[in-house]
Amino acid sequence: MEYRYIPKGVCSQELIFNIEDGVVKDLKVIGGCSGNLQGISKLVVGLKVDEVIEKLRGIKCGFKPTSCPDQISRALEEYKNKMAV
């Protein structure tokens, strides 16, 4: 299932997930720090949604209260909440 999220407070502009049976199958990040986000995208493939949330939640970028990895965790939390309905 494709899930799209618009991050807030960071350089990336959109997160596009492909999630099947609670596992991240693909993540594309539009905008942001290309090399870092390509690496993070590859690292989360194959992980359960809850694992990704646990690993990335709360990471900050400089003095910002959030980061692209933190926004990935927030996107997946939103996904879980919407799927629970």
C-alpha atoms as a PDB file:
ATOM      1  CA  MET A   1       0.000   0.000   0.000  1.00  0.00           C
ATOM      2  CA  GLU A   2       1.323   3.429  -0.903  1.00  0.00           C
ATOM      3  CA  TYR A   3       1.247   6.017   1.882  1.00  0.00           C
ATOM      4  CA  ARG A   4       2.236   9.660   1.376  1.00  0.00           C
ATOM      5  CA  TYR A   5       3.191  12.154   4.065  1.00  0.00           C
ATOM      6  CA  ILE A   6       4.116  15.838   3.941  1.00  0.00           C
ATOM      7  CA  PRO A   7       6.899  16.457   6.491  1.00  0.00           C
ATOM      8  CA  LYS A   8       6.863  19.546   8.690  1.00  0.00           C
ATOM      9  CA  GLY A   9       9.836  21.655   9.783  1.00  0.00           C
ATOM     10  CA  VAL A  10      12.440  19.950   7.579  1.00  0.00           C
ATOM     11  CA  CYS A  11      13.947  20.280   4.096  1.00  0.00           C
ATOM     12  CA  SER A  12      12.303  17.209   2.597  1.00  0.00           C
ATOM     13  CA  GLN A  13       8.988  17.902   0.878  1.00  0.00           C
ATOM     14  CA  GLU A  14       7.275  14.507   0.699  1.00  0.00           C
ATOM     15  CA  LEU A  15       7.723  10.949   1.981  1.00  0.00           C
ATOM     16  CA  ILE A  16       6.289   8.132  -0.129  1.00  0.00           C
ATOM     17  CA  PHE A  17       6.120   4.719   1.530  1.00  0.00           C
ATOM     18  CA  ASN A  18       5.194   1.310   0.191  1.00  0.00           C
ATOM     19  CA  ILE A  19       4.081  -0.774   3.169  1.00  0.00           C
ATOM     20  CA  GLU A  20       2.911  -4.396   3.081  1.00  0.00           C
ATOM     21  CA  ASP A  21       1.868  -6.453   6.110  1.00  0.00           C
ATOM     22  CA  GLY A  22       3.396  -3.908   8.489  1.00  0.00           C
ATOM     23  CA  VAL A  23       6.787  -3.955   6.738  1.00  0.00           C
ATOM     24  CA  VAL A  24       8.369  -1.055   4.838  1.00  0.00           C
ATOM     25  CA  LYS A  25       8.978  -2.285   1.292  1.00  0.00           C
ATOM     26  CA  ASP A  26      10.137   1.051  -0.152  1.00  0.00           C
ATOM     27  CA  LEU A  27      10.635   4.681   0.864  1.00  0.00           C
ATOM     28  CA  LYS A  28      11.162   7.588  -1.499  1.00  0.00           C
ATOM     29  CA  VAL A  29      12.010  11.012  -0.095  1.00  0.00           C
ATOM     30  CA  ILE A  30      11.414  14.094  -2.216  1.00  0.00           C
ATOM     31  CA  GLY A  31      13.798  16.944  -1.350  1.00  0.00           C
ATOM     32  CA  GLY A  32      16.154  17.106   1.600  1.00  0.00           C
ATOM     33  CA  CYS A  33      19.746  15.899   1.863  1.00  0.00           C
ATOM     34  CA  SER A  34      19.816  13.452  -1.026  1.00  0.00           C
ATOM     35  CA  GLY A  35      22.675  11.162  -0.018  1.00  0.00           C
ATOM     36  CA  ASN A  36      21.663  10.837   3.624  1.00  0.00           C
ATOM     37  CA  LEU A  37      18.018  10.256   2.824  1.00  0.00           C
ATOM     38  CA  GLN A  38      18.812   7.703   0.125  1.00  0.00           C
ATOM     39  CA  GLY A  39      20.860   5.840   2.718  1.00  0.00           C
ATOM     40  CA  ILE A  40      18.136   6.002   5.359  1.00  0.00           C
ATOM     41  CA  SER A  41      15.569   4.887   2.780  1.00  0.00           C
ATOM     42  CA  LYS A  42      17.630   1.776   1.989  1.00  0.00           C
ATOM     43  CA  LEU A  43      18.195   0.994   5.676  1.00  0.00           C
ATOM     44  CA  VAL A  44      14.488   0.991   6.584  1.00  0.00           C
ATOM     45  CA  VAL A  45      13.462  -1.371   3.758  1.00  0.00           C
ATOM     46  CA  GLY A  46      12.530  -4.737   5.223  1.00  0.00           C
ATOM     47  CA  LEU A  47      11.972  -3.391   8.731  1.00  0.00           C
ATOM     48  CA  LYS A  48       8.656  -3.487  10.540  1.00  0.00           C
ATOM     49  CA  VAL A  49       6.916  -0.140  10.882  1.00  0.00           C
ATOM     50  CA  ASP A  50       7.308  -0.257  14.692  1.00  0.00           C
ATOM     51  CA  GLU A  51      11.061  -0.908  14.393  1.00  0.00           C
ATOM     52  CA  VAL A  52      11.535   2.133  12.161  1.00  0.00           C
ATOM     53  CA  ILE A  53       9.506   4.321  14.528  1.00  0.00           C
ATOM     54  CA  GLU A  54      11.573   3.143  17.506  1.00  0.00           C
ATOM     55  CA  LYS A  55      14.908   3.747  15.765  1.00  0.00           C
ATOM     56  CA  LEU A  56      14.155   7.180  14.254  1.00  0.00           C
ATOM     57  CA  ARG A  57      11.782   8.868  16.726  1.00  0.00           C
ATOM     58  CA  GLY A  58      13.186  11.964  18.404  1.00  0.00           C
ATOM     59  CA  ILE A  59      16.254  12.532  16.216  1.00  0.00           C
ATOM     60  CA  LYS A  60      16.893  16.262  15.822  1.00  0.00           C
ATOM     61  CA  CYS A  61      18.613  18.209  13.044  1.00  0.00           C
ATOM     62  CA  GLY A  62      20.834  20.905  14.518  1.00  0.00           C
ATOM     63  CA  PHE A  63      18.692  23.268  16.550  1.00  0.00           C
ATOM     64  CA  LYS A  64      15.433  22.141  14.921  1.00  0.00           C
ATOM     65  CA  PRO A  65      13.029  20.197  17.146  1.00  0.00           C
ATOM     66  CA  THR A  66      12.720  17.504  14.444  1.00  0.00           C
ATOM     67  CA  SER A  67      14.612  15.998  11.492  1.00  0.00           C
ATOM     68  CA  CYS A  68      13.880  14.027   8.345  1.00  0.00           C
ATOM     69  CA  PRO A  69      14.391  10.717  10.231  1.00  0.00           C
ATOM     70  CA  ASP A  70      12.048  11.947  12.990  1.00  0.00           C
ATOM     71  CA  GLN A  71       9.496  12.931  10.341  1.00  0.00           C
ATOM     72  CA  ILE A  72       9.733   9.406   8.904  1.00  0.00           C
ATOM     73  CA  SER A  73       8.819   8.048  12.341  1.00  0.00           C
ATOM     74  CA  ARG A  74       5.953  10.532  12.657  1.00  0.00           C
ATOM     75  CA  ALA A  75       4.674   9.574   9.206  1.00  0.00           C
ATOM     76  CA  LEU A  76       4.667   5.910  10.175  1.00  0.00           C
ATOM     77  CA  GLU A  77       2.897   6.678  13.473  1.00  0.00           C
ATOM     78  CA  GLU A  78       0.229   8.539  11.484  1.00  0.00           C
ATOM     79  CA  TYR A  79      -0.012   5.583   9.091  1.00  0.00           C
ATOM     80  CA  LYS A  80      -0.532   3.173  12.013  1.00  0.00           C
ATOM     81  CA  ASN A  81      -3.238   5.399  13.521  1.00  0.00           C
ATOM     82  CA  LYS A  82      -5.097   5.673  10.221  1.00  0.00           C
ATOM     83  CA  MET A  83      -4.896   1.920   9.574  1.00  0.00           C
ATOM     84  CA  ALA A  84      -6.233   1.150  13.068  1.00  0.00           C
ATOM     85  CA  VAL A  85      -9.534   2.873  12.272  1.00  0.00           C
END
